[in-house]
């Protein structure tokens, strides 16, 4: 027979009633009627009290613990801390505390698994990205060592290609170091009052040759004010603007147009960098800020870059307490937007 709450309550009630009758039987002047009433009363009261204590305070909460285990198995972590604090039932509080603790540990395990997967992918990406320029430079140099160095035309051509591969490797390593420092917080932002118009114009001048080679043109749309002052790290925000404008030129159409718009808001300046290029397919938009992610891997390789630029941009802007967003339509162009704190 299973030990149900009702059966346990019945046994204990009988025992208590028997003990009560045994005790009263030795008391002088107690009649049989009194013994019957006392025995029946003690049985009924004991039964309901024991049944309530076992059913509500023990069995019901144990069943809830089984439900909690089931919730944890299916990873349903929906419980509020407020409900735990307000509850006075010790079994219920224990159950909920166990639930919260296990749920927290499970989330930590899931996060560790995610980071481990990210680490594996990152190492695979880094090894692949490093391998390409190293093998290229290695091939050119070994060809020269094997005798091609005597041919002046071949020697200059191969040395130029080897230097280009090593320059790409140097840029990749620098970007990796920068990204690592940004993520670990080693790079501290030095916030100043910065003229965003001046920075944008300097970026245009810096990228003028790149734009001319592509036949692209630059355009700057300004608010009514002559200057646009923002709170930013001048070096890092220049890096952001350079990366976004350069990407707009590289991945835009031939003879395309890159438009930078500065819009005044109450407390912020909204910065938009737009091109009229081929756009980014919707399935890629959520991943373009990941390390080494390229929409078209083969074409992106041809256009240079380390694949880390947008990841660096994202981290720099996060350090400025702002986020970057992207909107794009195929064959219509792409627009990157972010806000900076306004300073008058």
C-alpha atoms as a PDB file:
ATOM      1  CA  UNK A   1       0.000   0.000   0.000  1.00  0.00           C
ATOM      2  CA  UNK A   2       1.360   3.412  -0.957  1.00  0.00           C
ATOM      3  CA  UNK A   3       1.943   5.926   1.816  1.00  0.00           C
ATOM      4  CA  UNK A   4      -0.495   8.573   0.673  1.00  0.00           C
ATOM      5  CA  UNK A   5      -1.132  11.644   2.875  1.00  0.00           C
ATOM      6  CA  UNK A   6      -4.621  10.312   3.762  1.00  0.00           C
ATOM      7  CA  UNK A   7      -3.310   6.892   4.845  1.00  0.00           C
ATOM      8  CA  UNK A   8      -0.541   8.423   6.966  1.00  0.00           C
ATOM      9  CA  UNK A   9      -3.033  10.834   8.562  1.00  0.00           C
ATOM     10  CA  UNK A  10      -5.397   7.918   9.341  1.00  0.00           C
ATOM     11  CA  UNK A  11      -2.664   5.888  11.041  1.00  0.00           C
ATOM     12  CA  UNK A  12      -1.435   8.808  13.116  1.00  0.00           C
ATOM     13  CA  UNK A  13      -4.986   9.827  14.063  1.00  0.00           C
ATOM     14  CA  UNK A  14      -5.725   6.268  15.261  1.00  0.00           C
ATOM     15  CA  UNK A  15      -2.510   6.232  17.254  1.00  0.00           C
ATOM     16  CA  UNK A  16      -3.211   9.617  18.871  1.00  0.00           C
ATOM     17  CA  UNK A  17      -6.795   8.629  19.629  1.00  0.00           C
ATOM     18  CA  UNK A  18      -5.624   5.347  21.190  1.00  0.00           C
ATOM     19  CA  UNK A  19      -3.058   7.115  23.339  1.00  0.00           C
ATOM     20  CA  UNK A  20      -5.690   9.637  24.447  1.00  0.00           C
ATOM     21  CA  UNK A  21      -8.157   6.884  25.438  1.00  0.00           C
ATOM     22  CA  UNK A  22      -5.436   4.939  27.251  1.00  0.00           C
ATOM     23  CA  UNK A  23      -4.485   8.004  29.263  1.00  0.00           C
ATOM     24  CA  UNK A  24      -8.099   8.884  30.132  1.00  0.00           C
ATOM     25  CA  UNK A  25      -8.887   5.281  31.126  1.00  0.00           C
ATOM     26  CA  UNK A  26      -6.644   5.674  34.158  1.00  0.00           C
ATOM     27  CA  UNK A  27      -8.364   8.875  35.239  1.00  0.00           C
ATOM     28  CA  UNK A  28     -11.040   8.386  37.947  1.00  0.00           C
ATOM     29  CA  UNK A  29     -14.594   9.486  37.183  1.00  0.00           C
ATOM     30  CA  UNK A  30     -14.294   9.246  33.396  1.00  0.00           C
ATOM     31  CA  UNK A  31     -17.341   7.520  31.930  1.00  0.00           C
ATOM     32  CA  UNK A  32     -17.527   5.463  28.765  1.00  0.00           C
ATOM     33  CA  UNK A  33     -19.458   8.263  27.069  1.00  0.00           C
ATOM     34  CA  UNK A  34     -16.679  10.695  27.848  1.00  0.00           C
ATOM     35  CA  UNK A  35     -14.115   8.231  26.534  1.00  0.00           C
ATOM     36  CA  UNK A  36     -16.066   7.831  23.299  1.00  0.00           C
ATOM     37  CA  UNK A  37     -16.414  11.581  22.776  1.00  0.00           C
ATOM     38  CA  UNK A  38     -12.765  12.220  23.625  1.00  0.00           C
ATOM     39  CA  UNK A  39     -11.570   9.391  21.363  1.00  0.00           C
ATOM     40  CA  UNK A  40     -13.737  10.486  18.453  1.00  0.00           C
ATOM     41  CA  UNK A  41     -12.798  14.148  18.864  1.00  0.00           C
ATOM     42  CA  UNK A  42      -9.077  13.426  19.076  1.00  0.00           C
ATOM     43  CA  UNK A  43      -9.320  11.127  16.043  1.00  0.00           C
ATOM     44  CA  UNK A  44     -11.138  13.693  13.884  1.00  0.00           C
ATOM     45  CA  UNK A  45      -8.975  16.637  14.938  1.00  0.00           C
ATOM     46  CA  UNK A  46      -5.749  14.673  14.627  1.00  0.00           C
ATOM     47  CA  UNK A  47      -6.725  13.291  11.226  1.00  0.00           C
ATOM     48  CA  UNK A  48      -7.433  16.693   9.677  1.00  0.00           C
ATOM     49  CA  UNK A  49      -4.444  18.413  11.263  1.00  0.00           C
ATOM     50  CA  UNK A  50      -2.014  15.693  10.198  1.00  0.00           C
ATOM     51  CA  UNK A  51      -3.592  15.423   6.760  1.00  0.00           C
ATOM     52  CA  UNK A  52      -3.334  19.201   6.243  1.00  0.00           C
ATOM     53  CA  UNK A  53       0.269  19.317   7.448  1.00  0.00           C
ATOM     54  CA  UNK A  54       1.401  16.434   5.273  1.00  0.00           C
ATOM     55  CA  UNK A  55      -0.642  17.239   2.176  1.00  0.00           C
ATOM     56  CA  UNK A  56      -0.165  21.011   2.000  1.00  0.00           C
ATOM     57  CA  UNK A  57       3.217  21.468   3.632  1.00  0.00           C
ATOM     58  CA  UNK A  58       5.051  18.361   2.427  1.00  0.00           C
ATOM     59  CA  UNK A  59       3.494  16.353  -0.401  1.00  0.00           C
ATOM     60  CA  UNK A  60       2.237  19.325  -2.399  1.00  0.00           C
ATOM     61  CA  UNK A  61       5.598  21.076  -2.190  1.00  0.00           C
ATOM     62  CA  UNK A  62       7.469  17.883  -3.059  1.00  0.00           C
ATOM     63  CA  UNK A  63       5.262  17.557  -6.135  1.00  0.00           C
ATOM     64  CA  UNK A  64       6.135  21.148  -6.997  1.00  0.00           C
ATOM     65  CA  UNK A  65       9.802  20.221  -6.738  1.00  0.00           C
ATOM     66  CA  UNK A  66       9.215  17.504  -9.318  1.00  0.00           C
ATOM     67  CA  UNK A  67       7.518  20.105 -11.522  1.00  0.00           C
ATOM     68  CA  UNK A  68      10.523  22.386 -10.964  1.00  0.00           C
ATOM     69  CA  UNK A  69      12.861  19.628 -12.110  1.00  0.00           C
ATOM     70  CA  UNK A  70      10.700  19.201 -15.202  1.00  0.00           C
ATOM     71  CA  UNK A  71      10.848  22.952 -15.851  1.00  0.00           C
ATOM     72  CA  UNK A  72      14.612  22.891 -15.573  1.00  0.00           C
ATOM     73  CA  UNK A  73      14.778  19.961 -17.983  1.00  0.00           C
ATOM     74  CA  UNK A  74      12.844  21.909 -20.596  1.00  0.00           C
ATOM     75  CA  UNK A  75      14.766  25.100 -19.639  1.00  0.00           C
ATOM     76  CA  UNK A  76      11.742  27.074 -18.517  1.00  0.00           C
ATOM     77  CA  UNK A  77      13.279  29.601 -16.100  1.00  0.00           C
ATOM     78  CA  UNK A  78      10.206  31.804 -15.616  1.00  0.00           C
ATOM     79  CA  UNK A  79      10.072  32.699 -11.932  1.00  0.00           C
ATOM     80  CA  UNK A  80      10.325  36.064 -10.230  1.00  0.00           C
ATOM     81  CA  UNK A  81      12.602  36.872  -7.314  1.00  0.00           C
ATOM     82  CA  UNK A  82       9.764  38.903  -5.780  1.00  0.00           C
ATOM     83  CA  UNK A  83       7.600  35.792  -5.461  1.00  0.00           C
ATOM     84  CA  UNK A  84      10.355  34.065  -3.480  1.00  0.00           C
ATOM     85  CA  UNK A  85      10.812  36.960  -1.063  1.00  0.00           C
ATOM     86  CA  UNK A  86       7.075  37.286  -0.383  1.00  0.00           C
ATOM     87  CA  UNK A  87       6.533  33.557   0.289  1.00  0.00           C
ATOM     88  CA  UNK A  88       6.618  32.445   3.949  1.00  0.00           C
ATOM     89  CA  UNK A  89       6.290  28.672   3.403  1.00  0.00           C
ATOM     90  CA  UNK A  90       9.783  27.241   4.135  1.00  0.00           C
ATOM     91  CA  UNK A  91       9.351  24.309   1.737  1.00  0.00           C
ATOM     92  CA  UNK A  92       8.133  26.645  -0.971  1.00  0.00           C
ATOM     93  CA  UNK A  93      11.038  29.041  -0.380  1.00  0.00           C
ATOM     94  CA  UNK A  94      13.498  26.139  -0.467  1.00  0.00           C
ATOM     95  CA  UNK A  95      11.986  24.890  -3.693  1.00  0.00           C
ATOM     96  CA  UNK A  96      12.145  28.318  -5.312  1.00  0.00           C
ATOM     97  CA  UNK A  97      15.679  28.982  -4.087  1.00  0.00           C
ATOM     98  CA  UNK A  98      16.830  25.673  -5.565  1.00  0.00           C
ATOM     99  CA  UNK A  99      15.054  26.555  -8.792  1.00  0.00           C
ATOM    100  CA  UNK A 100      16.709  29.981  -9.023  1.00  0.00           C
ATOM    101  CA  UNK A 101      20.148  28.571  -8.175  1.00  0.00           C
ATOM    102  CA  UNK A 102      19.925  25.759 -10.739  1.00  0.00           C
ATOM    103  CA  UNK A 103      18.486  28.116 -13.347  1.00  0.00           C
ATOM    104  CA  UNK A 104      21.365  30.522 -12.790  1.00  0.00           C
ATOM    105  CA  UNK A 105      23.919  27.731 -13.079  1.00  0.00           C
ATOM    106  CA  UNK A 106      22.236  26.408 -16.216  1.00  0.00           C
ATOM    107  CA  UNK A 107      22.397  29.837 -17.812  1.00  0.00           C
ATOM    108  CA  UNK A 108      26.075  30.076 -16.868  1.00  0.00           C
ATOM    109  CA  UNK A 109      26.665  26.670 -18.463  1.00  0.00           C
ATOM    110  CA  UNK A 110      24.824  27.768 -21.612  1.00  0.00           C
ATOM    111  CA  UNK A 111      26.899  30.951 -21.730  1.00  0.00           C
ATOM    112  CA  UNK A 112      30.123  28.963 -21.295  1.00  0.00           C
ATOM    113  CA  UNK A 113      29.062  26.637 -24.119  1.00  0.00           C
ATOM    114  CA  UNK A 114      28.287  29.649 -26.296  1.00  0.00           C
ATOM    115  CA  UNK A 115      31.674  31.207 -25.514  1.00  0.00           C
ATOM    116  CA  UNK A 116      33.429  27.903 -26.178  1.00  0.00           C
ATOM    117  CA  UNK A 117      31.715  27.663 -29.567  1.00  0.00           C
ATOM    118  CA  UNK A 118      32.619  31.273 -30.233  1.00  0.00           C
ATOM    119  CA  UNK A 119      36.248  30.572 -29.247  1.00  0.00           C
ATOM    120  CA  UNK A 120      36.473  27.618 -31.621  1.00  0.00           C
ATOM    121  CA  UNK A 121      35.003  29.629 -34.475  1.00  0.00           C
ATOM    122  CA  UNK A 122      37.260  32.578 -33.684  1.00  0.00           C
ATOM    123  CA  UNK A 123      40.413  30.431 -33.650  1.00  0.00           C
ATOM    124  CA  UNK A 124      39.357  28.820 -36.926  1.00  0.00           C
ATOM    125  CA  UNK A 125      38.741  32.249 -38.486  1.00  0.00           C
ATOM    126  CA  UNK A 126      42.013  33.689 -37.182  1.00  0.00           C
ATOM    127  CA  UNK A 127      44.063  30.725 -38.405  1.00  0.00           C
ATOM    128  CA  UNK A 128      42.422  30.978 -41.822  1.00  0.00           C
ATOM    129  CA  UNK A 129      42.913  34.735 -42.062  1.00  0.00           C
ATOM    130  CA  UNK A 130      46.555  34.513 -40.969  1.00  0.00           C
ATOM    131  CA  UNK A 131      47.287  31.569 -43.229  1.00  0.00           C
ATOM    132  CA  UNK A 132      46.372  33.373 -46.443  1.00  0.00           C
ATOM    133  CA  UNK A 133      48.899  36.273 -46.334  1.00  0.00           C
ATOM    134  CA  UNK A 134      51.603  34.108 -44.727  1.00  0.00           C
ATOM    135  CA  UNK A 135      51.368  31.406 -47.401  1.00  0.00           C
ATOM    136  CA  UNK A 136      51.248  34.031 -50.155  1.00  0.00           C
ATOM    137  CA  UNK A 137      54.372  35.834 -48.912  1.00  0.00           C
ATOM    138  CA  UNK A 138      56.066  32.496 -48.251  1.00  0.00           C
ATOM    139  CA  UNK A 139      55.387  31.344 -51.810  1.00  0.00           C
ATOM    140  CA  UNK A 140      56.767  34.519 -53.392  1.00  0.00           C
ATOM    141  CA  UNK A 141      59.921  34.497 -51.225  1.00  0.00           C
ATOM    142  CA  UNK A 142      60.656  30.795 -51.808  1.00  0.00           C
ATOM    143  CA  UNK A 143      60.217  31.318 -55.544  1.00  0.00           C
ATOM    144  CA  UNK A 144      62.837  34.059 -55.393  1.00  0.00           C
ATOM    145  CA  UNK A 145      65.155  31.887 -53.322  1.00  0.00           C
ATOM    146  CA  UNK A 146      64.824  29.067 -55.856  1.00  0.00           C
ATOM    147  CA  UNK A 147      66.341  31.260 -58.572  1.00  0.00           C
ATOM    148  CA  UNK A 148      63.813  33.845 -59.681  1.00  0.00           C
ATOM    149  CA  UNK A 149      65.784  36.518 -57.812  1.00  0.00           C
ATOM    150  CA  UNK A 150      68.156  36.735 -60.763  1.00  0.00           C
ATOM    151  CA  UNK A 151      65.380  37.963 -63.036  1.00  0.00           C
ATOM    152  CA  UNK A 152      64.983  41.650 -62.150  1.00  0.00           C
ATOM    153  CA  UNK A 153      61.450  41.957 -63.517  1.00  0.00           C
ATOM    154  CA  UNK A 154      60.186  38.842 -61.688  1.00  0.00           C
ATOM    155  CA  UNK A 155      62.094  39.785 -58.527  1.00  0.00           C
ATOM    156  CA  UNK A 156      60.502  43.236 -58.246  1.00  0.00           C
ATOM    157  CA  UNK A 157      57.041  41.854 -59.004  1.00  0.00           C
ATOM    158  CA  UNK A 158      57.281  39.059 -56.428  1.00  0.00           C
ATOM    159  CA  UNK A 159      58.811  41.303 -53.775  1.00  0.00           C
ATOM    160  CA  UNK A 160      55.988  43.784 -54.304  1.00  0.00           C
ATOM    161  CA  UNK A 161      53.381  41.021 -53.891  1.00  0.00           C
ATOM    162  CA  UNK A 162      55.135  39.617 -50.813  1.00  0.00           C
ATOM    163  CA  UNK A 163      55.232  43.102 -49.269  1.00  0.00           C
ATOM    164  CA  UNK A 164      51.526  43.538 -49.995  1.00  0.00           C
ATOM    165  CA  UNK A 165      50.732  40.225 -48.286  1.00  0.00           C
ATOM    166  CA  UNK A 166      52.813  41.181 -45.252  1.00  0.00           C
ATOM    167  CA  UNK A 167      51.140  44.608 -45.103  1.00  0.00           C
ATOM    168  CA  UNK A 168      47.793  42.811 -44.990  1.00  0.00           C
ATOM    169  CA  UNK A 169      49.092  40.556 -42.228  1.00  0.00           C
ATOM    170  CA  UNK A 170      50.292  43.601 -40.273  1.00  0.00           C
ATOM    171  CA  UNK A 171      46.879  45.282 -40.617  1.00  0.00           C
ATOM    172  CA  UNK A 172      45.133  42.099 -39.471  1.00  0.00           C
ATOM    173  CA  UNK A 173      47.322  41.752 -36.373  1.00  0.00           C
ATOM    174  CA  UNK A 174      46.835  45.427 -35.473  1.00  0.00           C
ATOM    175  CA  UNK A 175      43.060  45.085 -35.804  1.00  0.00           C
ATOM    176  CA  UNK A 176      43.099  41.932 -33.670  1.00  0.00           C
ATOM    177  CA  UNK A 177      45.082  43.728 -30.963  1.00  0.00           C
ATOM    178  CA  UNK A 178      42.734  46.744 -31.095  1.00  0.00           C
ATOM    179  CA  UNK A 179      39.633  44.554 -30.898  1.00  0.00           C
ATOM    180  CA  UNK A 180      41.075  42.557 -27.996  1.00  0.00           C
ATOM    181  CA  UNK A 181      41.951  45.739 -26.093  1.00  0.00           C
ATOM    182  CA  UNK A 182      38.476  47.175 -26.668  1.00  0.00           C
ATOM    183  CA  UNK A 183      36.771  44.013 -25.437  1.00  0.00           C
ATOM    184  CA  UNK A 184      38.903  43.701 -22.310  1.00  0.00           C
ATOM    185  CA  UNK A 185      38.571  47.399 -21.498  1.00  0.00           C
ATOM    186  CA  UNK A 186      42.305  48.081 -21.793  1.00  0.00           C
ATOM    187  CA  UNK A 187      41.589  50.948 -24.177  1.00  0.00           C
ATOM    188  CA  UNK A 188      40.087  53.832 -22.226  1.00  0.00           C
ATOM    189  CA  UNK A 189      38.114  56.453 -24.096  1.00  0.00           C
ATOM    190  CA  UNK A 190      39.401  60.007 -23.780  1.00  0.00           C
ATOM    191  CA  UNK A 191      36.233  62.039 -24.182  1.00  0.00           C
ATOM    192  CA  UNK A 192      36.495  65.589 -25.458  1.00  0.00           C
ATOM    193  CA  UNK A 193      34.382  68.242 -27.128  1.00  0.00           C
ATOM    194  CA  UNK A 194      34.772  67.267 -30.778  1.00  0.00           C
ATOM    195  CA  UNK A 195      33.678  69.002 -33.983  1.00  0.00           C
ATOM    196  CA  UNK A 196      32.071  66.195 -35.995  1.00  0.00           C
ATOM    197  CA  UNK A 197      32.004  68.274 -39.192  1.00  0.00           C
ATOM    198  CA  UNK A 198      35.763  68.736 -39.091  1.00  0.00           C
ATOM    199  CA  UNK A 199      36.353  65.020 -38.470  1.00  0.00           C
ATOM    200  CA  UNK A 200      34.093  64.037 -41.370  1.00  0.00           C
ATOM    201  CA  UNK A 201      35.796  66.426 -43.761  1.00  0.00           C
ATOM    202  CA  UNK A 202      39.205  65.089 -42.714  1.00  0.00           C
ATOM    203  CA  UNK A 203      38.004  61.543 -43.362  1.00  0.00           C
ATOM    204  CA  UNK A 204      36.792  62.584 -46.824  1.00  0.00           C
ATOM    205  CA  UNK A 205      40.228  64.062 -47.586  1.00  0.00           C
ATOM    206  CA  UNK A 206      41.987  60.953 -46.295  1.00  0.00           C
ATOM    207  CA  UNK A 207      39.883  58.659 -48.509  1.00  0.00           C
ATOM    208  CA  UNK A 208      39.863  60.911 -51.567  1.00  0.00           C
ATOM    209  CA  UNK A 209      42.230  58.694 -53.585  1.00  0.00           C
ATOM    210  CA  UNK A 210      40.233  55.559 -52.725  1.00  0.00           C
ATOM    211  CA  UNK A 211      37.058  57.299 -53.887  1.00  0.00           C
ATOM    212  CA  UNK A 212      38.666  58.575 -57.102  1.00  0.00           C
ATOM    213  CA  UNK A 213      39.838  55.058 -57.981  1.00  0.00           C
ATOM    214  CA  UNK A 214      36.221  53.886 -57.688  1.00  0.00           C
ATOM    215  CA  UNK A 215      34.727  56.996 -59.270  1.00  0.00           C
ATOM    216  CA  UNK A 216      32.773  57.648 -56.055  1.00  0.00           C
ATOM    217  CA  UNK A 217      31.776  61.025 -54.685  1.00  0.00           C
ATOM    218  CA  UNK A 218      31.312  62.294 -51.127  1.00  0.00           C
ATOM    219  CA  UNK A 219      28.505  64.438 -49.781  1.00  0.00           C
ATOM    220  CA  UNK A 220      27.986  65.933 -46.321  1.00  0.00           C
ATOM    221  CA  UNK A 221      24.522  67.052 -45.227  1.00  0.00           C
ATOM    222  CA  UNK A 222      24.584  69.376 -42.238  1.00  0.00           C
ATOM    223  CA  UNK A 223      22.107  70.889 -39.794  1.00  0.00           C
ATOM    224  CA  UNK A 224      21.649  74.680 -39.813  1.00  0.00           C
ATOM    225  CA  UNK A 225      24.525  75.156 -37.332  1.00  0.00           C
ATOM    226  CA  UNK A 226      28.030  75.824 -38.637  1.00  0.00           C
ATOM    227  CA  UNK A 227      29.573  73.360 -36.191  1.00  0.00           C
ATOM    228  CA  UNK A 228      28.376  70.125 -34.661  1.00  0.00           C
ATOM    229  CA  UNK A 229      29.957  69.487 -31.277  1.00  0.00           C
ATOM    230  CA  UNK A 230      29.733  66.074 -29.667  1.00  0.00           C
ATOM    231  CA  UNK A 231      31.228  64.308 -26.649  1.00  0.00           C
ATOM    232  CA  UNK A 232      33.592  61.683 -28.062  1.00  0.00           C
ATOM    233  CA  UNK A 233      37.097  60.298 -28.217  1.00  0.00           C
ATOM    234  CA  UNK A 234      38.439  62.108 -31.315  1.00  0.00           C
ATOM    235  CA  UNK A 235      40.837  59.339 -32.349  1.00  0.00           C
ATOM    236  CA  UNK A 236      38.302  56.531 -31.959  1.00  0.00           C
ATOM    237  CA  UNK A 237      35.376  58.381 -33.529  1.00  0.00           C
ATOM    238  CA  UNK A 238      37.638  59.215 -36.490  1.00  0.00           C
ATOM    239  CA  UNK A 239      38.346  55.481 -36.736  1.00  0.00           C
ATOM    240  CA  UNK A 240      34.597  54.807 -36.789  1.00  0.00           C
ATOM    241  CA  UNK A 241      33.901  57.366 -39.504  1.00  0.00           C
ATOM    242  CA  UNK A 242      36.880  56.204 -41.587  1.00  0.00           C
ATOM    243  CA  UNK A 243      35.765  52.599 -41.453  1.00  0.00           C
ATOM    244  CA  UNK A 244      32.143  53.333 -42.361  1.00  0.00           C
ATOM    245  CA  UNK A 245      32.970  55.736 -45.200  1.00  0.00           C
ATOM    246  CA  UNK A 246      35.699  53.475 -46.590  1.00  0.00           C
ATOM    247  CA  UNK A 247      33.327  50.485 -46.546  1.00  0.00           C
ATOM    248  CA  UNK A 248      30.691  52.553 -48.338  1.00  0.00           C
ATOM    249  CA  UNK A 249      33.206  53.285 -51.105  1.00  0.00           C
ATOM    250  CA  UNK A 250      34.669  49.776 -51.341  1.00  0.00           C
ATOM    251  CA  UNK A 251      31.398  47.884 -51.354  1.00  0.00           C
ATOM    252  CA  UNK A 252      29.393  50.489 -53.232  1.00  0.00           C
ATOM    253  CA  UNK A 253      28.849  50.686 -56.963  1.00  0.00           C
ATOM    254  CA  UNK A 254      31.274  52.135 -59.463  1.00  0.00           C
ATOM    255  CA  UNK A 255      30.711  55.897 -59.692  1.00  0.00           C
ATOM    256  CA  UNK A 256      28.611  55.641 -56.551  1.00  0.00           C
ATOM    257  CA  UNK A 257      27.767  58.245 -53.952  1.00  0.00           C
ATOM    258  CA  UNK A 258      28.475  58.261 -50.228  1.00  0.00           C
ATOM    259  CA  UNK A 259      26.358  60.601 -48.117  1.00  0.00           C
ATOM    260  CA  UNK A 260      27.118  61.452 -44.487  1.00  0.00           C
ATOM    261  CA  UNK A 261      24.228  63.174 -42.699  1.00  0.00           C
ATOM    262  CA  UNK A 262      24.420  64.930 -39.326  1.00  0.00           C
ATOM    263  CA  UNK A 263      21.038  65.595 -37.730  1.00  0.00           C
ATOM    264  CA  UNK A 264      20.429  67.541 -34.552  1.00  0.00           C
ATOM    265  CA  UNK A 265      18.230  66.072 -31.849  1.00  0.00           C
ATOM    266  CA  UNK A 266      17.461  67.410 -28.406  1.00  0.00           C
ATOM    267  CA  UNK A 267      20.386  65.738 -26.617  1.00  0.00           C
ATOM    268  CA  UNK A 268      22.132  63.864 -29.418  1.00  0.00           C
ATOM    269  CA  UNK A 269      23.536  64.127 -32.913  1.00  0.00           C
ATOM    270  CA  UNK A 270      22.323  61.407 -35.266  1.00  0.00           C
ATOM    271  CA  UNK A 271      25.051  60.319 -37.694  1.00  0.00           C
ATOM    272  CA  UNK A 272      24.107  58.472 -40.895  1.00  0.00           C
ATOM    273  CA  UNK A 273      26.496  57.028 -43.483  1.00  0.00           C
ATOM    274  CA  UNK A 274      24.633  55.981 -46.626  1.00  0.00           C
ATOM    275  CA  UNK A 275      25.692  54.540 -49.973  1.00  0.00           C
ATOM    276  CA  UNK A 276      23.733  53.678 -53.091  1.00  0.00           C
ATOM    277  CA  UNK A 277      25.471  50.349 -53.611  1.00  0.00           C
ATOM    278  CA  UNK A 278      24.133  46.805 -54.086  1.00  0.00           C
ATOM    279  CA  UNK A 279      22.917  46.572 -50.490  1.00  0.00           C
ATOM    280  CA  UNK A 280      23.101  43.709 -48.016  1.00  0.00           C
ATOM    281  CA  UNK A 281      20.690  40.743 -48.187  1.00  0.00           C
ATOM    282  CA  UNK A 282      18.383  40.532 -45.120  1.00  0.00           C
ATOM    283  CA  UNK A 283      19.820  37.198 -43.948  1.00  0.00           C
ATOM    284  CA  UNK A 284      23.250  38.824 -43.440  1.00  0.00           C
ATOM    285  CA  UNK A 285      22.206  41.994 -41.592  1.00  0.00           C
ATOM    286  CA  UNK A 286      22.217  40.453 -38.096  1.00  0.00           C
ATOM    287  CA  UNK A 287      25.778  39.123 -38.514  1.00  0.00           C
ATOM    288  CA  UNK A 288      27.763  41.841 -40.258  1.00  0.00           C
ATOM    289  CA  UNK A 289      29.214  43.117 -36.942  1.00  0.00           C
ATOM    290  CA  UNK A 290      30.722  39.712 -36.155  1.00  0.00           C
ATOM    291  CA  UNK A 291      34.463  39.176 -36.481  1.00  0.00           C
ATOM    292  CA  UNK A 292      35.593  38.130 -39.944  1.00  0.00           C
ATOM    293  CA  UNK A 293      32.025  37.937 -41.242  1.00  0.00           C
ATOM    294  CA  UNK A 294      31.819  38.825 -44.908  1.00  0.00           C
ATOM    295  CA  UNK A 295      28.677  38.937 -47.011  1.00  0.00           C
ATOM    296  CA  UNK A 296      30.546  37.825 -50.144  1.00  0.00           C
ATOM    297  CA  UNK A 297      33.761  36.191 -48.988  1.00  0.00           C
ATOM    298  CA  UNK A 298      35.506  35.959 -52.361  1.00  0.00           C
ATOM    299  CA  UNK A 299      34.723  39.538 -53.453  1.00  0.00           C
ATOM    300  CA  UNK A 300      35.483  40.921 -50.000  1.00  0.00           C
ATOM    301  CA  UNK A 301      38.935  39.369 -50.098  1.00  0.00           C
ATOM    302  CA  UNK A 302      39.656  41.087 -53.389  1.00  0.00           C
ATOM    303  CA  UNK A 303      38.699  44.465 -51.925  1.00  0.00           C
ATOM    304  CA  UNK A 304      41.038  44.143 -48.970  1.00  0.00           C
ATOM    305  CA  UNK A 305      40.217  44.705 -45.354  1.00  0.00           C
ATOM    306  CA  UNK A 306      40.636  42.411 -42.369  1.00  0.00           C
ATOM    307  CA  UNK A 307      36.990  41.581 -41.708  1.00  0.00           C
ATOM    308  CA  UNK A 308      37.273  43.192 -38.263  1.00  0.00           C
ATOM    309  CA  UNK A 309      36.356  46.783 -39.088  1.00  0.00           C
ATOM    310  CA  UNK A 310      32.663  46.692 -38.198  1.00  0.00           C
ATOM    311  CA  UNK A 311      33.357  44.666 -35.046  1.00  0.00           C
ATOM    312  CA  UNK A 312      35.786  47.397 -33.946  1.00  0.00           C
ATOM    313  CA  UNK A 313      33.227  50.094 -34.828  1.00  0.00           C
ATOM    314  CA  UNK A 314      30.604  48.339 -32.709  1.00  0.00           C
ATOM    315  CA  UNK A 315      32.894  48.127 -29.666  1.00  0.00           C
ATOM    316  CA  UNK A 316      34.046  51.752 -29.972  1.00  0.00           C
ATOM    317  CA  UNK A 317      30.459  52.978 -30.088  1.00  0.00           C
ATOM    318  CA  UNK A 318      29.504  50.710 -27.181  1.00  0.00           C
ATOM    319  CA  UNK A 319      32.262  52.454 -25.211  1.00  0.00           C
ATOM    320  CA  UNK A 320      30.552  55.736 -26.159  1.00  0.00           C
ATOM    321  CA  UNK A 321      27.313  54.390 -24.612  1.00  0.00           C
ATOM    322  CA  UNK A 322      25.601  54.146 -27.974  1.00  0.00           C
ATOM    323  CA  UNK A 323      24.736  51.501 -30.543  1.00  0.00           C
ATOM    324  CA  UNK A 324      25.088  51.280 -34.291  1.00  0.00           C
ATOM    325  CA  UNK A 325      22.222  50.128 -36.493  1.00  0.00           C
ATOM    326  CA  UNK A 326      22.088  49.155 -40.146  1.00  0.00           C
ATOM    327  CA  UNK A 327      19.330  49.344 -42.728  1.00  0.00           C
ATOM    328  CA  UNK A 328      19.774  47.969 -46.202  1.00  0.00           C
ATOM    329  CA  UNK A 329      17.796  47.061 -49.307  1.00  0.00           C
ATOM    330  CA  UNK A 330      19.181  45.006 -52.148  1.00  0.00           C
ATOM    331  CA  UNK A 331      20.080  47.246 -55.124  1.00  0.00           C
ATOM    332  CA  UNK A 332      19.030  50.310 -53.089  1.00  0.00           C
ATOM    333  CA  UNK A 333      21.994  50.835 -50.773  1.00  0.00           C
ATOM    334  CA  UNK A 334      22.939  50.605 -47.111  1.00  0.00           C
ATOM    335  CA  UNK A 335      22.724  53.071 -44.236  1.00  0.00           C
ATOM    336  CA  UNK A 336      24.589  52.878 -40.930  1.00  0.00           C
ATOM    337  CA  UNK A 337      23.335  55.054 -38.059  1.00  0.00           C
ATOM    338  CA  UNK A 338      24.497  55.898 -34.557  1.00  0.00           C
ATOM    339  CA  UNK A 339      24.037  58.712 -32.028  1.00  0.00           C
ATOM    340  CA  UNK A 340      26.559  60.752 -30.070  1.00  0.00           C
ATOM    341  CA  UNK A 341      25.941  62.984 -27.076  1.00  0.00           C
ATOM    342  CA  UNK A 342      25.528  66.578 -28.149  1.00  0.00           C
ATOM    343  CA  UNK A 343      27.621  69.371 -26.633  1.00  0.00           C
ATOM    344  CA  UNK A 344      26.910  73.055 -27.247  1.00  0.00           C
END
